[in-house]
Amino acid sequence: MEKDCLFCNIVKGKTDTRFLLETDEAVVFKDINPHAPVHLLIVPKRHIRSINDLTDEDRPVVAELLMLGKKMARQQGVAEDGYKLLFNVEYGGGQRIFHLHLHLLAGKVW
């Protein structure tokens, strides 16, 4: 865990964030600054700074995030209409919190 990492603190229960789903590898919660009617964050429990920091050993974690995205889209009732799964990578790619996370966005015409 990175001491000052917001998502590490959320994962460790140091905030009042309510998880919509929790597995051994990840947590899912609503984005506090949503960009769509449905905007969830799917966050691995283990600190991985960014996509650029992934190793071969991280493949199961990435697979888990994607499968949770699919599951949460169904749970939120947006799977059939469509949704986006998005990783922002590094500051230039829109990443503002440097703990790997997957956005699930839906309910908006793009």
PDB file of N, CA and C in Angstrom:
ATOM      1  N   MET A   1       0.838  -1.192   0.000  1.00  0.00           N
ATOM      2  CA  MET A   1       0.000   0.000   0.000  1.00  0.00           C
ATOM      3  C   MET A   1       0.875   1.244   0.000  1.00  0.00           C
ATOM      4  N   GLU A   2       0.494   2.187  -0.831  1.00  0.00           N
ATOM      5  CA  GLU A   2       1.163   3.476  -0.841  1.00  0.00           C
ATOM      6  C   GLU A   2       0.491   4.356   0.209  1.00  0.00           C
ATOM      7  N   LYS A   3       1.262   4.926   1.093  1.00  0.00           N
ATOM      8  CA  LYS A   3       0.741   5.652   2.250  1.00  0.00           C
ATOM      9  C   LYS A   3      -0.261   6.749   1.877  1.00  0.00           C
ATOM     10  N   ASP A   4       0.026   7.523   0.856  1.00  0.00           N
ATOM     11  CA  ASP A   4      -0.819   8.658   0.501  1.00  0.00           C
ATOM     12  C   ASP A   4      -1.741   8.383  -0.676  1.00  0.00           C
ATOM     13  N   CYS A   5      -1.892   7.135  -1.071  1.00  0.00           N
ATOM     14  CA  CYS A   5      -2.725   6.782  -2.218  1.00  0.00           C
ATOM     15  C   CYS A   5      -4.193   6.735  -1.795  1.00  0.00           C
ATOM     16  N   LEU A   6      -5.018   7.553  -2.432  1.00  0.00           N
ATOM     17  CA  LEU A   6      -6.440   7.603  -2.106  1.00  0.00           C
ATOM     18  C   LEU A   6      -7.102   6.238  -2.257  1.00  0.00           C
ATOM     19  N   PHE A   7      -6.836   5.542  -3.360  1.00  0.00           N
ATOM     20  CA  PHE A   7      -7.490   4.260  -3.571  1.00  0.00           C
ATOM     21  C   PHE A   7      -6.993   3.195  -2.605  1.00  0.00           C
ATOM     22  N   CYS A   8      -5.745   3.231  -2.210  1.00  0.00           N
ATOM     23  CA  CYS A   8      -5.261   2.308  -1.175  1.00  0.00           C
ATOM     24  C   CYS A   8      -6.019   2.549   0.126  1.00  0.00           C
ATOM     25  N   ASN A   9      -6.244   3.817   0.460  1.00  0.00           N
ATOM     26  CA  ASN A   9      -6.987   4.140   1.677  1.00  0.00           C
ATOM     27  C   ASN A   9      -8.436   3.683   1.581  1.00  0.00           C
ATOM     28  N   ILE A  10      -9.047   3.831   0.413  1.00  0.00           N
ATOM     29  CA  ILE A  10     -10.420   3.350   0.216  1.00  0.00           C
ATOM     30  C   ILE A  10     -10.466   1.836   0.372  1.00  0.00           C
ATOM     31  N   VAL A  11      -9.554   1.134  -0.288  1.00  0.00           N
ATOM     32  CA  VAL A  11      -9.501  -0.334  -0.220  1.00  0.00           C
ATOM     33  C   VAL A  11      -9.342  -0.804   1.219  1.00  0.00           C
ATOM     34  N   LYS A  12      -8.540  -0.108   2.002  1.00  0.00           N
ATOM     35  CA  LYS A  12      -8.272  -0.492   3.393  1.00  0.00           C
ATOM     36  C   LYS A  12      -9.362  -0.049   4.362  1.00  0.00           C
ATOM     37  N   GLY A  13     -10.448   0.565   3.842  1.00  0.00           N
ATOM     38  CA  GLY A  13     -11.555   0.960   4.705  1.00  0.00           C
ATOM     39  C   GLY A  13     -11.309   2.223   5.498  1.00  0.00           C
ATOM     40  N   LYS A  14     -10.374   3.047   5.068  1.00  0.00           N
ATOM     41  CA  LYS A  14     -10.051   4.270   5.800  1.00  0.00           C
ATOM     42  C   LYS A  14     -10.910   5.459   5.384  1.00  0.00           C
ATOM     43  N   THR A  15     -11.908   5.216   4.529  1.00  0.00           N
ATOM     44  CA  THR A  15     -12.862   6.248   4.121  1.00  0.00           C
ATOM     45  C   THR A  15     -14.262   5.674   4.321  1.00  0.00           C
ATOM     46  N   ASP A  16     -15.266   6.490   4.086  1.00  0.00           N
ATOM     47  CA  ASP A  16     -16.644   6.000   4.232  1.00  0.00           C
ATOM     48  C   ASP A  16     -17.221   5.505   2.896  1.00  0.00           C
ATOM     49  N   THR A  17     -16.376   5.149   1.980  1.00  0.00           N
ATOM     50  CA  THR A  17     -16.799   4.661   0.668  1.00  0.00           C
ATOM     51  C   THR A  17     -17.561   3.348   0.803  1.00  0.00           C
ATOM     52  N   ARG A  18     -18.719   3.283   0.156  1.00  0.00           N
ATOM     53  CA  ARG A  18     -19.537   2.074   0.175  1.00  0.00           C
ATOM     54  C   ARG A  18     -19.229   1.253  -1.072  1.00  0.00           C
ATOM     55  N   PHE A  19     -18.817   0.016  -0.870  1.00  0.00           N
ATOM     56  CA  PHE A  19     -18.514  -0.872  -1.983  1.00  0.00           C
ATOM     57  C   PHE A  19     -19.804  -1.476  -2.522  1.00  0.00           C
ATOM     58  N   LEU A  20     -19.940  -1.463  -3.841  1.00  0.00           N
ATOM     59  CA  LEU A  20     -21.047  -2.145  -4.489  1.00  0.00           C
ATOM     60  C   LEU A  20     -20.740  -3.631  -4.620  1.00  0.00           C
ATOM     61  N   LEU A  21     -19.458  -3.947  -4.681  1.00  0.00           N
ATOM     62  CA  LEU A  21     -19.007  -5.328  -4.801  1.00  0.00           C
ATOM     63  C   LEU A  21     -17.564  -5.393  -4.317  1.00  0.00           C
ATOM     64  N   GLU A  22     -17.216  -6.502  -3.681  1.00  0.00           N
ATOM     65  CA  GLU A  22     -15.843  -6.727  -3.238  1.00  0.00           C
ATOM     66  C   GLU A  22     -15.498  -8.187  -3.493  1.00  0.00           C
ATOM     67  N   THR A  23     -14.315  -8.404  -4.082  1.00  0.00           N
ATOM     68  CA  THR A  23     -13.785  -9.750  -4.279  1.00  0.00           C
ATOM     69  C   THR A  23     -12.435  -9.832  -3.567  1.00  0.00           C
ATOM     70  N   ASP A  24     -11.784 -10.971  -3.676  1.00  0.00           N
ATOM     71  CA  ASP A  24     -10.449 -11.105  -3.085  1.00  0.00           C
ATOM     72  C   ASP A  24      -9.451 -10.151  -3.728  1.00  0.00           C
ATOM     73  N   GLU A  25      -9.685  -9.803  -4.990  1.00  0.00           N
ATOM     74  CA  GLU A  25      -8.717  -9.006  -5.761  1.00  0.00           C
ATOM     75  C   GLU A  25      -9.069  -7.538  -5.939  1.00  0.00           C
ATOM     76  N   ALA A  26     -10.375  -7.176  -5.823  1.00  0.00           N
ATOM     77  CA  ALA A  26     -10.778  -5.824  -6.214  1.00  0.00           C
ATOM     78  C   ALA A  26     -12.029  -5.367  -5.477  1.00  0.00           C
ATOM     79  N   VAL A  27     -12.277  -4.059  -5.582  1.00  0.00           N
ATOM     80  CA  VAL A  27     -13.500  -3.454  -5.060  1.00  0.00           C
ATOM     81  C   VAL A  27     -14.133  -2.607  -6.164  1.00  0.00           C
ATOM     82  N   VAL A  28     -15.442  -2.408  -6.046  1.00  0.00           N
ATOM     83  CA  VAL A  28     -16.181  -1.575  -6.998  1.00  0.00           C
ATOM     84  C   VAL A  28     -16.983  -0.560  -6.198  1.00  0.00           C
ATOM     85  N   PHE A  29     -16.917   0.699  -6.627  1.00  0.00           N
ATOM     86  CA  PHE A  29     -17.684   1.749  -5.967  1.00  0.00           C
ATOM     87  C   PHE A  29     -18.017   2.848  -6.967  1.00  0.00           C
ATOM     88  N   LYS A  30     -18.975   3.701  -6.592  1.00  0.00           N
ATOM     89  CA  LYS A  30     -19.383   4.799  -7.463  1.00  0.00           C
ATOM     90  C   LYS A  30     -18.326   5.896  -7.460  1.00  0.00           C
ATOM     91  N   ASP A  31     -18.115   6.489  -8.627  1.00  0.00           N
ATOM     92  CA  ASP A  31     -17.220   7.629  -8.745  1.00  0.00           C
ATOM     93  C   ASP A  31     -17.886   8.836  -8.081  1.00  0.00           C
ATOM     94  N   ILE A  32     -17.140   9.576  -7.276  1.00  0.00           N
ATOM     95  CA  ILE A  32     -17.726  10.735  -6.587  1.00  0.00           C
ATOM     96  C   ILE A  32     -17.880  11.937  -7.518  1.00  0.00           C
ATOM     97  N   ASN A  33     -17.270  11.885  -8.695  1.00  0.00           N
ATOM     98  CA  ASN A  33     -17.397  12.940  -9.692  1.00  0.00           C
ATOM     99  C   ASN A  33     -17.808  12.293 -11.013  1.00  0.00           C
ATOM    100  N   PRO A  34     -19.054  11.800 -11.094  1.00  0.00           N
ATOM    101  CA  PRO A  34     -19.453  11.004 -12.261  1.00  0.00           C
ATOM    102  C   PRO A  34     -19.502  11.800 -13.559  1.00  0.00           C
ATOM    103  N   HIS A  35     -19.110  11.119 -14.640  1.00  0.00           N
ATOM    104  CA  HIS A  35     -19.154  11.701 -15.976  1.00  0.00           C
ATOM    105  C   HIS A  35     -20.258  11.071 -16.820  1.00  0.00           C
ATOM    106  N   ALA A  36     -21.084  10.259 -16.206  1.00  0.00           N
ATOM    107  CA  ALA A  36     -22.205   9.605 -16.874  1.00  0.00           C
ATOM    108  C   ALA A  36     -23.185   9.174 -15.789  1.00  0.00           C
ATOM    109  N   PRO A  37     -24.436   8.899 -16.161  1.00  0.00           N
ATOM    110  CA  PRO A  37     -25.405   8.443 -15.155  1.00  0.00           C
ATOM    111  C   PRO A  37     -24.938   7.217 -14.367  1.00  0.00           C
ATOM    112  N   VAL A  38     -24.251   6.300 -15.027  1.00  0.00           N
ATOM    113  CA  VAL A  38     -23.604   5.186 -14.328  1.00  0.00           C
ATOM    114  C   VAL A  38     -22.101   5.391 -14.499  1.00  0.00           C
ATOM    115  N   HIS A  39     -21.408   5.593 -13.393  1.00  0.00           N
ATOM    116  CA  HIS A  39     -19.944   5.754 -13.432  1.00  0.00           C
ATOM    117  C   HIS A  39     -19.373   5.056 -12.205  1.00  0.00           C
ATOM    118  N   LEU A  40     -18.853   3.865 -12.439  1.00  0.00           N
ATOM    119  CA  LEU A  40     -18.265   3.069 -11.367  1.00  0.00           C
ATOM    120  C   LEU A  40     -16.769   2.967 -11.551  1.00  0.00           C
ATOM    121  N   LEU A  41     -16.073   2.773 -10.441  1.00  0.00           N
ATOM    122  CA  LEU A  41     -14.632   2.528 -10.460  1.00  0.00           C
ATOM    123  C   LEU A  41     -14.387   1.113  -9.972  1.00  0.00           C
ATOM    124  N   ILE A  42     -13.569   0.398 -10.712  1.00  0.00           N
ATOM    125  CA  ILE A  42     -13.207  -0.977 -10.383  1.00  0.00           C
ATOM    126  C   ILE A  42     -11.705  -0.947 -10.089  1.00  0.00           C
ATOM    127  N   VAL A  43     -11.369  -1.206  -8.830  1.00  0.00           N
ATOM    128  CA  VAL A  43     -10.022  -0.930  -8.329  1.00  0.00           C
ATOM    129  C   VAL A  43      -9.397  -2.185  -7.724  1.00  0.00           C
ATOM    130  N   PRO A  44      -8.202  -2.557  -8.178  1.00  0.00           N
ATOM    131  CA  PRO A  44      -7.537  -3.699  -7.536  1.00  0.00           C
ATOM    132  C   PRO A  44      -7.146  -3.345  -6.108  1.00  0.00           C
ATOM    133  N   LYS A  45      -7.175  -4.338  -5.246  1.00  0.00           N
ATOM    134  CA  LYS A  45      -6.788  -4.106  -3.857  1.00  0.00           C
ATOM    135  C   LYS A  45      -5.289  -3.861  -3.736  1.00  0.00           C
ATOM    136  N   ARG A  46      -4.524  -4.539  -4.559  1.00  0.00           N
ATOM    137  CA  ARG A  46      -3.069  -4.363  -4.527  1.00  0.00           C
ATOM    138  C   ARG A  46      -2.699  -3.115  -5.315  1.00  0.00           C
ATOM    139  N   HIS A  47      -1.808  -2.316  -4.765  1.00  0.00           N
ATOM    140  CA  HIS A  47      -1.392  -1.091  -5.441  1.00  0.00           C
ATOM    141  C   HIS A  47      -0.558  -1.424  -6.684  1.00  0.00           C
ATOM    142  N   ILE A  48      -1.093  -1.014  -7.812  1.00  0.00           N
ATOM    143  CA  ILE A  48      -0.363  -1.026  -9.086  1.00  0.00           C
ATOM    144  C   ILE A  48      -0.510   0.395  -9.602  1.00  0.00           C
ATOM    145  N   ARG A  49       0.566   1.068  -9.839  1.00  0.00           N
ATOM    146  CA  ARG A  49       0.534   2.492 -10.150  1.00  0.00           C
ATOM    147  C   ARG A  49      -0.245   2.817 -11.420  1.00  0.00           C
ATOM    148  N   SER A  50      -0.021   2.068 -12.500  1.00  0.00           N
ATOM    149  CA  SER A  50      -0.613   2.409 -13.798  1.00  0.00           C
ATOM    150  C   SER A  50      -0.505   1.206 -14.729  1.00  0.00           C
ATOM    151  N   ILE A  51      -1.193   1.262 -15.845  1.00  0.00           N
ATOM    152  CA  ILE A  51      -1.053   0.234 -16.883  1.00  0.00           C
ATOM    153  C   ILE A  51       0.429   0.059 -17.240  1.00  0.00           C
ATOM    154  N   ASN A  52       1.163   1.141 -17.275  1.00  0.00           N
ATOM    155  CA  ASN A  52       2.588   1.079 -17.641  1.00  0.00           C
ATOM    156  C   ASN A  52       3.436   0.299 -16.646  1.00  0.00           C
ATOM    157  N   ASP A  53       2.901   0.053 -15.457  1.00  0.00           N
ATOM    158  CA  ASP A  53       3.640  -0.667 -14.433  1.00  0.00           C
ATOM    159  C   ASP A  53       3.237  -2.138 -14.319  1.00  0.00           C
ATOM    160  N   LEU A  54       2.332  -2.587 -15.186  1.00  0.00           N
ATOM    161  CA  LEU A  54       1.898  -3.983 -15.140  1.00  0.00           C
ATOM    162  C   LEU A  54       3.042  -4.927 -15.490  1.00  0.00           C
ATOM    163  N   THR A  55       3.015  -6.100 -14.867  1.00  0.00           N
ATOM    164  CA  THR A  55       3.957  -7.167 -15.180  1.00  0.00           C
ATOM    165  C   THR A  55       3.159  -8.387 -15.624  1.00  0.00           C
ATOM    166  N   ASP A  56       3.840  -9.390 -16.109  1.00  0.00           N
ATOM    167  CA  ASP A  56       3.150 -10.617 -16.512  1.00  0.00           C
ATOM    168  C   ASP A  56       2.363 -11.223 -15.354  1.00  0.00           C
ATOM    169  N   GLU A  57       2.841 -11.064 -14.144  1.00  0.00           N
ATOM    170  CA  GLU A  57       2.156 -11.599 -12.977  1.00  0.00           C
ATOM    171  C   GLU A  57       0.832 -10.883 -12.691  1.00  0.00           C
ATOM    172  N   ASP A  58       0.621  -9.718 -13.286  1.00  0.00           N
ATOM    173  CA  ASP A  58      -0.595  -8.943 -13.061  1.00  0.00           C
ATOM    174  C   ASP A  58      -1.735  -9.329 -14.005  1.00  0.00           C
ATOM    175  N   ARG A  59      -1.505 -10.252 -14.919  1.00  0.00           N
ATOM    176  CA  ARG A  59      -2.551 -10.647 -15.870  1.00  0.00           C
ATOM    177  C   ARG A  59      -3.848 -11.064 -15.178  1.00  0.00           C
ATOM    178  N   PRO A  60      -3.797 -11.868 -14.110  1.00  0.00           N
ATOM    179  CA  PRO A  60      -5.055 -12.249 -13.450  1.00  0.00           C
ATOM    180  C   PRO A  60      -5.813 -11.055 -12.861  1.00  0.00           C
ATOM    181  N   VAL A  61      -5.093 -10.067 -12.385  1.00  0.00           N
ATOM    182  CA  VAL A  61      -5.737  -8.883 -11.812  1.00  0.00           C
ATOM    183  C   VAL A  61      -6.471  -8.111 -12.905  1.00  0.00           C
ATOM    184  N   VAL A  62      -5.822  -7.930 -14.032  1.00  0.00           N
ATOM    185  CA  VAL A  62      -6.452  -7.204 -15.141  1.00  0.00           C
ATOM    186  C   VAL A  62      -7.675  -7.968 -15.646  1.00  0.00           C
ATOM    187  N   ALA A  63      -7.561  -9.276 -15.754  1.00  0.00           N
ATOM    188  CA  ALA A  63      -8.707 -10.092 -16.163  1.00  0.00           C
ATOM    189  C   ALA A  63      -9.849  -9.934 -15.167  1.00  0.00           C
ATOM    190  N   GLU A  64      -9.544  -9.918 -13.889  1.00  0.00           N
ATOM    191  CA  GLU A  64     -10.559  -9.742 -12.852  1.00  0.00           C
ATOM    192  C   GLU A  64     -11.267  -8.407 -13.001  1.00  0.00           C
ATOM    193  N   LEU A  65     -10.514  -7.338 -13.270  1.00  0.00           N
ATOM    194  CA  LEU A  65     -11.129  -6.021 -13.440  1.00  0.00           C
ATOM    195  C   LEU A  65     -12.107  -6.030 -14.610  1.00  0.00           C
ATOM    196  N   LEU A  66     -11.693  -6.614 -15.731  1.00  0.00           N
ATOM    197  CA  LEU A  66     -12.567  -6.662 -16.906  1.00  0.00           C
ATOM    198  C   LEU A  66     -13.817  -7.498 -16.654  1.00  0.00           C
ATOM    199  N   MET A  67     -13.658  -8.640 -16.009  1.00  0.00           N
ATOM    200  CA  MET A  67     -14.814  -9.488 -15.721  1.00  0.00           C
ATOM    201  C   MET A  67     -15.766  -8.808 -14.727  1.00  0.00           C
ATOM    202  N   LEU A  68     -15.214  -8.056 -13.781  1.00  0.00           N
ATOM    203  CA  LEU A  68     -16.060  -7.296 -12.868  1.00  0.00           C
ATOM    204  C   LEU A  68     -16.787  -6.179 -13.609  1.00  0.00           C
ATOM    205  N   GLY A  69     -16.141  -5.585 -14.598  1.00  0.00           N
ATOM    206  CA  GLY A  69     -16.809  -4.577 -15.426  1.00  0.00           C
ATOM    207  C   GLY A  69     -18.030  -5.162 -16.111  1.00  0.00           C
ATOM    208  N   LYS A  70     -17.865  -6.324 -16.691  1.00  0.00           N
ATOM    209  CA  LYS A  70     -18.981  -7.014 -17.353  1.00  0.00           C
ATOM    210  C   LYS A  70     -20.091  -7.327 -16.340  1.00  0.00           C
ATOM    211  N   LYS A  71     -19.718  -7.857 -15.198  1.00  0.00           N
ATOM    212  CA  LYS A  71     -20.693  -8.221 -14.166  1.00  0.00           C
ATOM    213  C   LYS A  71     -21.450  -6.994 -13.668  1.00  0.00           C
ATOM    214  N   MET A  72     -20.735  -5.911 -13.416  1.00  0.00           N
ATOM    215  CA  MET A  72     -21.374  -4.708 -12.896  1.00  0.00           C
ATOM    216  C   MET A  72     -22.272  -4.055 -13.938  1.00  0.00           C
ATOM    217  N   ALA A  73     -21.922  -4.142 -15.220  1.00  0.00           N
ATOM    218  CA  ALA A  73     -22.792  -3.605 -16.276  1.00  0.00           C
ATOM    219  C   ALA A  73     -24.132  -4.331 -16.253  1.00  0.00           C
ATOM    220  N   ARG A  74     -24.089  -5.646 -16.082  1.00  0.00           N
ATOM    221  CA  ARG A  74     -25.343  -6.417 -15.973  1.00  0.00           C
ATOM    222  C   ARG A  74     -26.108  -6.014 -14.713  1.00  0.00           C
ATOM    223  N   GLN A  75     -25.390  -5.930 -13.602  1.00  0.00           N
ATOM    224  CA  GLN A  75     -26.022  -5.588 -12.326  1.00  0.00           C
ATOM    225  C   GLN A  75     -26.666  -4.200 -12.370  1.00  0.00           C
ATOM    226  N   GLN A  76     -26.045  -3.285 -13.085  1.00  0.00           N
ATOM    227  CA  GLN A  76     -26.559  -1.913 -13.180  1.00  0.00           C
ATOM    228  C   GLN A  76     -27.630  -1.767 -14.268  1.00  0.00           C
ATOM    229  N   GLY A  77     -27.879  -2.840 -15.021  1.00  0.00           N
ATOM    230  CA  GLY A  77     -28.911  -2.823 -16.050  1.00  0.00           C
ATOM    231  C   GLY A  77     -28.531  -2.098 -17.326  1.00  0.00           C
ATOM    232  N   VAL A  78     -27.231  -2.015 -17.605  1.00  0.00           N
ATOM    233  CA  VAL A  78     -26.789  -1.286 -18.801  1.00  0.00           C
ATOM    234  C   VAL A  78     -26.084  -2.170 -19.825  1.00  0.00           C
ATOM    235  N   ALA A  79     -25.978  -3.455 -19.548  1.00  0.00           N
ATOM    236  CA  ALA A  79     -25.227  -4.353 -20.436  1.00  0.00           C
ATOM    237  C   ALA A  79     -25.807  -4.394 -21.842  1.00  0.00           C
ATOM    238  N   GLU A  80     -27.111  -4.457 -21.955  1.00  0.00           N
ATOM    239  CA  GLU A  80     -27.743  -4.581 -23.268  1.00  0.00           C
ATOM    240  C   GLU A  80     -27.702  -3.282 -24.061  1.00  0.00           C
ATOM    241  N   ASP A  81     -27.842  -2.150 -23.388  1.00  0.00           N
ATOM    242  CA  ASP A  81     -27.818  -0.861 -24.084  1.00  0.00           C
ATOM    243  C   ASP A  81     -26.406  -0.438 -24.460  1.00  0.00           C
ATOM    244  N   GLY A  82     -25.421  -0.889 -23.686  1.00  0.00           N
ATOM    245  CA  GLY A  82     -24.026  -0.569 -23.974  1.00  0.00           C
ATOM    246  C   GLY A  82     -23.376   0.264 -22.886  1.00  0.00           C
ATOM    247  N   TYR A  83     -22.078   0.144 -22.835  1.00  0.00           N
ATOM    248  CA  TYR A  83     -21.287   0.822 -21.810  1.00  0.00           C
ATOM    249  C   TYR A  83     -19.847   0.922 -22.272  1.00  0.00           C
ATOM    250  N   LYS A  84     -19.071   1.722 -21.570  1.00  0.00           N
ATOM    251  CA  LYS A  84     -17.638   1.857 -21.828  1.00  0.00           C
ATOM    252  C   LYS A  84     -16.869   1.317 -20.636  1.00  0.00           C
ATOM    253  N   LEU A  85     -15.759   0.651 -20.933  1.00  0.00           N
ATOM    254  CA  LEU A  85     -14.764   0.297 -19.933  1.00  0.00           C
ATOM    255  C   LEU A  85     -13.508   1.053 -20.333  1.00  0.00           C
ATOM    256  N   LEU A  86     -12.955   1.817 -19.422  1.00  0.00           N
ATOM    257  CA  LEU A  86     -11.885   2.745 -19.774  1.00  0.00           C
ATOM    258  C   LEU A  86     -10.783   2.767 -18.730  1.00  0.00           C
ATOM    259  N   PHE A  87      -9.541   2.607 -19.186  1.00  0.00           N
ATOM    260  CA  PHE A  87      -8.359   2.850 -18.365  1.00  0.00           C
ATOM    261  C   PHE A  87      -7.747   4.160 -18.840  1.00  0.00           C
ATOM    262  N   ASN A  88      -7.513   5.101 -17.946  1.00  0.00           N
ATOM    263  CA  ASN A  88      -6.711   6.279 -18.255  1.00  0.00           C
ATOM    264  C   ASN A  88      -5.280   5.932 -17.873  1.00  0.00           C
ATOM    265  N   VAL A  89      -4.332   6.246 -18.753  1.00  0.00           N
ATOM    266  CA  VAL A  89      -2.944   5.853 -18.523  1.00  0.00           C
ATOM    267  C   VAL A  89      -2.047   7.083 -18.498  1.00  0.00           C
ATOM    268  N   GLU A  90      -1.454   7.314 -17.348  1.00  0.00           N
ATOM    269  CA  GLU A  90      -0.545   8.420 -17.092  1.00  0.00           C
ATOM    270  C   GLU A  90      -1.288   9.758 -17.198  1.00  0.00           C
ATOM    271  N   TYR A  91      -0.638  10.804 -16.757  1.00  0.00           N
ATOM    272  CA  TYR A  91      -1.278  12.109 -16.672  1.00  0.00           C
ATOM    273  C   TYR A  91      -1.793  12.581 -18.024  1.00  0.00           C
ATOM    274  N   GLY A  92      -0.984  12.411 -19.069  1.00  0.00           N
ATOM    275  CA  GLY A  92      -1.379  12.830 -20.418  1.00  0.00           C
ATOM    276  C   GLY A  92      -2.570  12.067 -20.958  1.00  0.00           C
ATOM    277  N   GLY A  93      -2.841  10.893 -20.402  1.00  0.00           N
ATOM    278  CA  GLY A  93      -3.986  10.085 -20.808  1.00  0.00           C
ATOM    279  C   GLY A  93      -5.177  10.252 -19.882  1.00  0.00           C
ATOM    280  N   GLY A  94      -5.100  11.209 -18.971  1.00  0.00           N
ATOM    281  CA  GLY A  94      -6.226  11.503 -18.092  1.00  0.00           C
ATOM    282  C   GLY A  94      -6.158  10.872 -16.717  1.00  0.00           C
ATOM    283  N   GLN A  95      -5.108  10.097 -16.423  1.00  0.00           N
ATOM    284  CA  GLN A  95      -5.004   9.474 -15.103  1.00  0.00           C
ATOM    285  C   GLN A  95      -4.655  10.541 -14.076  1.00  0.00           C
ATOM    286  N   ARG A  96      -5.468  10.626 -13.021  1.00  0.00           N
ATOM    287  CA  ARG A  96      -5.233  11.603 -11.968  1.00  0.00           C
ATOM    288  C   ARG A  96      -4.931  10.945 -10.632  1.00  0.00           C
ATOM    289  N   ILE A  97      -5.394   9.723 -10.450  1.00  0.00           N
ATOM    290  CA  ILE A  97      -5.061   8.959  -9.252  1.00  0.00           C
ATOM    291  C   ILE A  97      -4.175   7.811  -9.707  1.00  0.00           C
ATOM    292  N   PHE A  98      -2.974   7.761  -9.186  1.00  0.00           N
ATOM    293  CA  PHE A  98      -1.993   6.796  -9.680  1.00  0.00           C
ATOM    294  C   PHE A  98      -2.045   5.499  -8.884  1.00  0.00           C
ATOM    295  N   HIS A  99      -3.192   4.848  -9.068  1.00  0.00           N
ATOM    296  CA  HIS A  99      -3.473   3.491  -8.612  1.00  0.00           C
ATOM    297  C   HIS A  99      -4.375   2.953  -9.716  1.00  0.00           C
ATOM    298  N   LEU A 100      -3.939   1.912 -10.379  1.00  0.00           N
ATOM    299  CA  LEU A 100      -4.685   1.349 -11.500  1.00  0.00           C
ATOM    300  C   LEU A 100      -6.169   1.248 -11.164  1.00  0.00           C
ATOM    301  N   HIS A 101      -7.023   1.659 -12.100  1.00  0.00           N
ATOM    302  CA  HIS A 101      -8.466   1.518 -11.931  1.00  0.00           C
ATOM    303  C   HIS A 101      -9.145   1.553 -13.287  1.00  0.00           C
ATOM    304  N   LEU A 102     -10.277   0.859 -13.343  1.00  0.00           N
ATOM    305  CA  LEU A 102     -11.062   0.758 -14.560  1.00  0.00           C
ATOM    306  C   LEU A 102     -12.376   1.505 -14.343  1.00  0.00           C
ATOM    307  N   HIS A 103     -12.711   2.379 -15.290  1.00  0.00           N
ATOM    308  CA  HIS A 103     -13.977   3.100 -15.242  1.00  0.00           C
ATOM    309  C   HIS A 103     -15.036   2.314 -16.015  1.00  0.00           C
ATOM    310  N   LEU A 104     -16.227   2.209 -15.459  1.00  0.00           N
ATOM    311  CA  LEU A 104     -17.392   1.713 -16.183  1.00  0.00           C
ATOM    312  C   LEU A 104     -18.336   2.902 -16.315  1.00  0.00           C
ATOM    313  N   LEU A 105     -18.624   3.285 -17.566  1.00  0.00           N
ATOM    314  CA  LEU A 105     -19.482   4.437 -17.834  1.00  0.00           C
ATOM    315  C   LEU A 105     -20.644   3.995 -18.707  1.00  0.00           C
ATOM    316  N   ALA A 106     -21.858   4.464 -18.391  1.00  0.00           N
ATOM    317  CA  ALA A 106     -23.029   4.089 -19.185  1.00  0.00           C
ATOM    318  C   ALA A 106     -24.175   5.060 -18.943  1.00  0.00           C
ATOM    319  N   GLY A 107     -25.169   4.948 -19.816  1.00  0.00           N
ATOM    320  CA  GLY A 107     -26.378   5.728 -19.660  1.00  0.00           C
ATOM    321  C   GLY A 107     -26.334   7.073 -20.350  1.00  0.00           C
ATOM    322  N   LYS A 108     -25.403   7.236 -21.260  1.00  0.00           N
ATOM    323  CA  LYS A 108     -25.227   8.516 -21.929  1.00  0.00           C
ATOM    324  C   LYS A 108     -24.991   8.257 -23.409  1.00  0.00           C
ATOM    325  N   VAL A 109     -25.523   9.125 -24.256  1.00  0.00           N
ATOM    326  CA  VAL A 109     -25.231   9.025 -25.681  1.00  0.00           C
ATOM    327  C   VAL A 109     -23.905   9.734 -25.922  1.00  0.00           C
ATOM    328  N   TRP A 110     -22.964   9.039 -26.478  1.00  0.00           N
ATOM    329  CA  TRP A 110     -21.618   9.601 -26.668  1.00  0.00           C
ATOM    330  C   TRP A 110     -21.592  10.313 -27.978  1.00  0.00           C
TER     331      TRP A 110
END
